[in-house]
Protein backbone atom coordinates (compact mmCIF):
# COMPACT_ATOMS: atom_id res chain seq x y z
CA MET A 1 81.55 182.74 31.82
CA ASN A 2 84.64 180.52 31.89
CA ARG A 3 85.59 176.91 32.64
CA ALA A 4 85.57 177.50 36.39
CA TRP A 5 82.03 178.92 36.13
CA LEU A 6 80.88 175.94 34.11
CA GLY A 7 82.69 173.53 36.44
CA ILE A 8 80.89 174.93 39.49
CA PHE A 9 77.55 174.95 37.68
CA PHE A 10 77.69 171.33 36.49
CA SER A 11 79.19 170.02 39.73
CA ALA A 12 76.32 171.56 41.67
CA LEU A 13 73.83 170.32 39.11
CA LEU A 14 75.19 166.77 39.40
CA TRP A 15 75.07 166.87 43.23
CA SER A 16 71.55 168.31 43.14
CA GLY A 17 70.29 165.57 40.81
CA ILE A 18 71.58 162.67 42.96
CA ASN A 19 68.64 161.34 45.02
CA PRO A 20 66.68 164.58 45.29
CA LYS A 21 63.84 164.70 47.80
CA ASP A 22 61.25 164.82 45.01
CA THR A 23 62.25 164.25 41.37
CA MET A 24 59.45 166.34 39.83
CA THR A 25 60.16 169.24 42.15
CA TRP A 26 63.84 168.98 41.30
CA MET A 27 63.12 169.17 37.59
CA LEU A 28 60.86 172.20 38.05
CA GLU A 29 63.31 174.03 40.31
CA VAL A 30 66.46 173.55 38.24
CA ALA A 31 64.75 174.18 34.87
CA PRO A 32 65.25 177.98 35.08
CA ALA A 33 69.00 177.45 35.72
CA LEU A 34 69.26 175.17 32.70
CA ILE A 35 67.30 177.54 30.47
CA GLY A 36 69.48 180.44 31.66
CA LEU A 37 72.62 178.45 30.86
CA MET A 38 71.41 177.76 27.31
CA ILE A 39 70.67 181.49 26.79
CA LEU A 40 74.11 182.45 28.15
CA LEU A 41 75.85 179.99 25.86
CA ALA A 42 73.86 181.23 22.85
CA THR A 43 74.66 184.88 23.52
CA ARG A 44 78.20 184.63 24.95
CA ARG A 45 79.73 186.05 21.75
CA THR A 46 77.05 188.43 20.52
CA PHE A 47 76.12 189.89 23.94
CA PRO A 48 78.56 188.83 26.68
CA LEU A 49 77.64 190.09 30.13
CA THR A 50 79.69 191.75 32.84
CA ARG A 51 81.54 189.53 35.32
CA ILE A 52 79.24 190.51 38.17
CA ALA A 53 76.20 189.47 36.10
CA TYR A 54 77.68 186.06 35.37
CA TYR A 55 78.63 185.55 39.05
CA LEU A 56 75.17 186.46 40.20
CA ILE A 57 73.53 184.11 37.68
CA LEU A 58 75.74 181.32 38.99
CA LEU A 59 74.82 182.15 42.59
CA HIS A 60 71.13 182.16 41.72
CA SER A 61 71.51 178.82 39.92
CA LEU A 62 73.13 177.33 43.03
CA ILE A 63 70.22 178.59 45.16
CA LEU A 64 67.79 176.89 42.76
CA MET A 65 69.78 173.64 42.77
CA VAL A 66 69.87 173.45 46.56
CA GLY A 67 66.15 174.14 46.74
CA GLY A 68 65.54 171.55 44.07
CA HIS A 69 67.57 168.87 45.87
CA TYR A 70 65.98 169.27 49.29
CA THR A 71 62.78 171.14 48.34
CA TYR A 72 62.59 174.69 49.60
CA ALA A 73 60.70 173.70 52.73
CA GLU A 74 63.30 171.18 53.87
CA VAL A 75 66.78 172.69 53.40
CA PRO A 76 68.71 171.37 56.46
CA LEU A 77 70.55 174.60 57.40
CA PHE A 78 67.30 176.49 57.49
CA ASP A 79 65.61 173.76 59.47
CA TRP A 80 68.38 174.28 62.04
CA LEU A 81 67.86 178.05 61.97
CA LYS A 82 64.15 177.47 62.39
CA GLN A 83 64.78 175.62 65.63
CA ILE A 84 67.46 178.01 66.93
CA PHE A 85 65.34 181.15 66.32
CA HIS A 86 62.02 179.47 67.07
CA GLN A 87 60.64 180.24 63.62
CA GLU A 88 57.38 178.68 62.39
CA ARG A 89 58.67 177.69 58.96
CA ASN A 90 61.82 176.93 56.96
CA ASN A 91 62.58 180.27 55.26
CA TYR A 92 65.03 179.13 52.57
CA ASP A 93 62.40 180.00 49.94
CA LYS A 94 62.69 183.65 50.97
CA ILE A 95 66.39 183.59 50.04
CA GLY A 96 65.33 182.27 46.65
CA HIS A 97 62.72 184.98 46.11
CA PHE A 98 65.12 187.70 47.29
CA ALA A 99 67.52 186.43 44.61
CA GLN A 100 64.63 186.38 42.16
CA GLY A 101 64.56 190.14 42.47
CA PHE A 102 68.22 190.87 43.06
CA VAL A 103 69.71 188.97 40.11
CA PRO A 104 67.14 189.97 37.45
CA ALA A 105 67.54 193.57 38.56
CA VAL A 106 71.18 193.50 37.55
CA LEU A 107 70.46 191.66 34.29
CA ALA A 108 67.59 193.96 33.37
CA ARG A 109 69.66 197.02 34.24
CA GLU A 110 72.55 195.81 32.10
CA ILE A 111 70.39 195.11 29.04
CA LEU A 112 68.46 198.41 29.33
CA ILE A 113 71.68 200.42 29.68
CA ARG A 114 73.70 198.70 26.99
CA LYS A 115 70.84 198.73 24.51
CA ALA A 116 70.10 202.40 25.37
CA VAL A 117 66.41 201.57 25.85
CA ILE A 118 65.70 204.22 28.47
CA ALA A 119 67.15 207.68 29.08
CA GLY A 120 67.38 208.87 32.67
CA ARG A 121 68.24 206.92 35.82
CA ALA A 122 64.91 207.45 37.51
CA TRP A 123 63.02 205.78 34.66
CA LEU A 124 65.71 203.11 34.44
CA ASN A 125 65.23 202.22 38.08
CA PHE A 126 61.46 202.23 37.75
CA MET A 127 61.57 199.89 34.77
CA VAL A 128 64.05 197.52 36.44
CA ILE A 129 61.75 197.20 39.49
CA ALA A 130 58.71 196.76 37.24
CA ILE A 131 60.45 193.98 35.27
CA CYS A 132 61.49 192.21 38.48
CA LEU A 133 57.98 192.34 39.87
CA ALA A 134 56.60 191.05 36.55
CA ILE A 135 59.07 188.13 36.69
CA SER A 136 58.06 187.35 40.28
CA ALA A 137 54.33 187.52 39.52
CA SER A 138 54.77 185.36 36.43
CA TYR A 139 56.58 182.75 38.49
CA GLU A 140 53.76 182.70 41.03
CA LEU A 141 51.23 182.23 38.25
CA LEU A 142 53.34 179.41 36.85
CA GLU A 143 53.38 177.74 40.29
CA TRP A 144 49.58 178.08 40.42
CA CYS A 145 49.21 176.42 36.99
CA ILE A 146 51.52 173.57 37.90
CA VAL A 147 49.60 172.88 41.11
CA LEU A 148 46.31 172.91 39.19
CA MET A 149 47.77 170.24 36.87
CA SER A 150 49.30 168.15 39.64
CA GLU A 151 48.00 168.27 43.21
CA GLU A 152 50.96 166.17 44.30
CA ALA A 153 53.25 169.13 43.64
CA THR A 154 51.39 171.49 45.93
CA GLU A 155 53.46 171.11 49.10
CA SER A 156 56.89 170.20 47.69
CA PHE A 157 56.96 172.76 44.87
CA LEU A 158 55.04 175.62 46.40
CA GLY A 159 56.51 175.15 49.82
CA THR A 160 53.88 177.37 51.44
CA GLN A 161 54.21 175.48 54.74
CA GLY A 162 50.73 176.58 55.77
CA TYR A 163 51.46 180.31 55.40
CA ILE A 164 48.45 181.89 53.71
CA TRP A 165 50.34 184.99 52.60
CA ASP A 166 53.20 183.05 51.02
CA THR A 167 52.59 184.29 47.46
CA GLN A 168 52.42 187.93 48.54
CA SER A 169 55.50 187.66 50.76
CA ASP A 170 57.42 185.94 47.89
CA MET A 171 56.77 188.92 45.67
CA ALA A 172 57.65 191.35 48.48
CA PHE A 173 61.02 189.63 48.90
CA ALA A 174 61.65 189.90 45.14
CA LEU A 175 60.83 193.60 45.35
CA ILE A 176 63.23 194.05 48.29
CA GLY A 177 65.89 192.16 46.34
CA ALA A 178 65.49 194.41 43.26
CA ILE A 179 65.65 197.58 45.34
CA THR A 180 68.70 196.30 47.25
CA ALA A 181 70.49 195.55 43.98
CA LEU A 182 69.81 199.01 42.66
CA LEU A 183 70.95 200.72 45.88
CA PHE A 184 74.15 198.76 46.44
CA MET A 185 75.24 197.43 43.02
CA SER A 186 74.61 200.27 40.59
CA SER A 187 77.98 202.08 40.87
CA TRP A 188 79.99 198.86 40.70
CA HIS A 189 77.83 197.60 37.87
CA ASP A 190 78.28 200.89 35.93
CA ARG A 191 82.06 200.51 36.08
CA GLN A 192 81.89 196.97 34.80
CA ILE A 193 79.53 197.98 32.00
CA ASP A 194 81.87 200.81 30.99
CA ALA A 195 84.92 198.49 30.98
CA LEU A 196 83.10 195.83 28.98
CA THR A 197 81.82 198.41 26.45
CA GLN A 198 85.28 199.88 25.98
CA THR A 199 86.83 196.44 25.50
CA ARG A 200 84.28 195.48 22.86
CA SER A 201 84.65 198.77 21.00
CA GLN A 202 88.43 198.34 20.55
């Protein structure tokens, strides 16, 4: 995490916070990015992450900020795609839930490997997927609680767009994201973990 990383993060955050579609939804959507930033700043010296992990966290933060600015059901590009491909809904939220599996998979994998929590790649992959599904399910429960407290947030925050299986499909996309990360990022991620570990041991 360097100045360029922070510059992109705060520039996007500033843009996102200027006249968002719904202020409460914006606060709820960008909160995970801000919490993540605070954790990264607090651990940057004691437990710095690999470059790919930092880049993915930034990408996920940008996804959250765009969704917070427009609401997930009204991102303009995906409204355009909806019309072009004759889709029934704006599917930007599925990008967000895919990232909700993909990015935590890399983070969970890095922590489990570097802390030597689990021996064996099969168990490692199983635990990474389980952690990602737990995160996804927890987020869906959080959404439910927020809606129970404020009915006004139902459409803008949940963004179900009338789709009755929205919760289940959100978790399915997170699962697909986690599996995709494990399949296509593991070798690259291993090399970065090895390089980081060697650097810190010198």
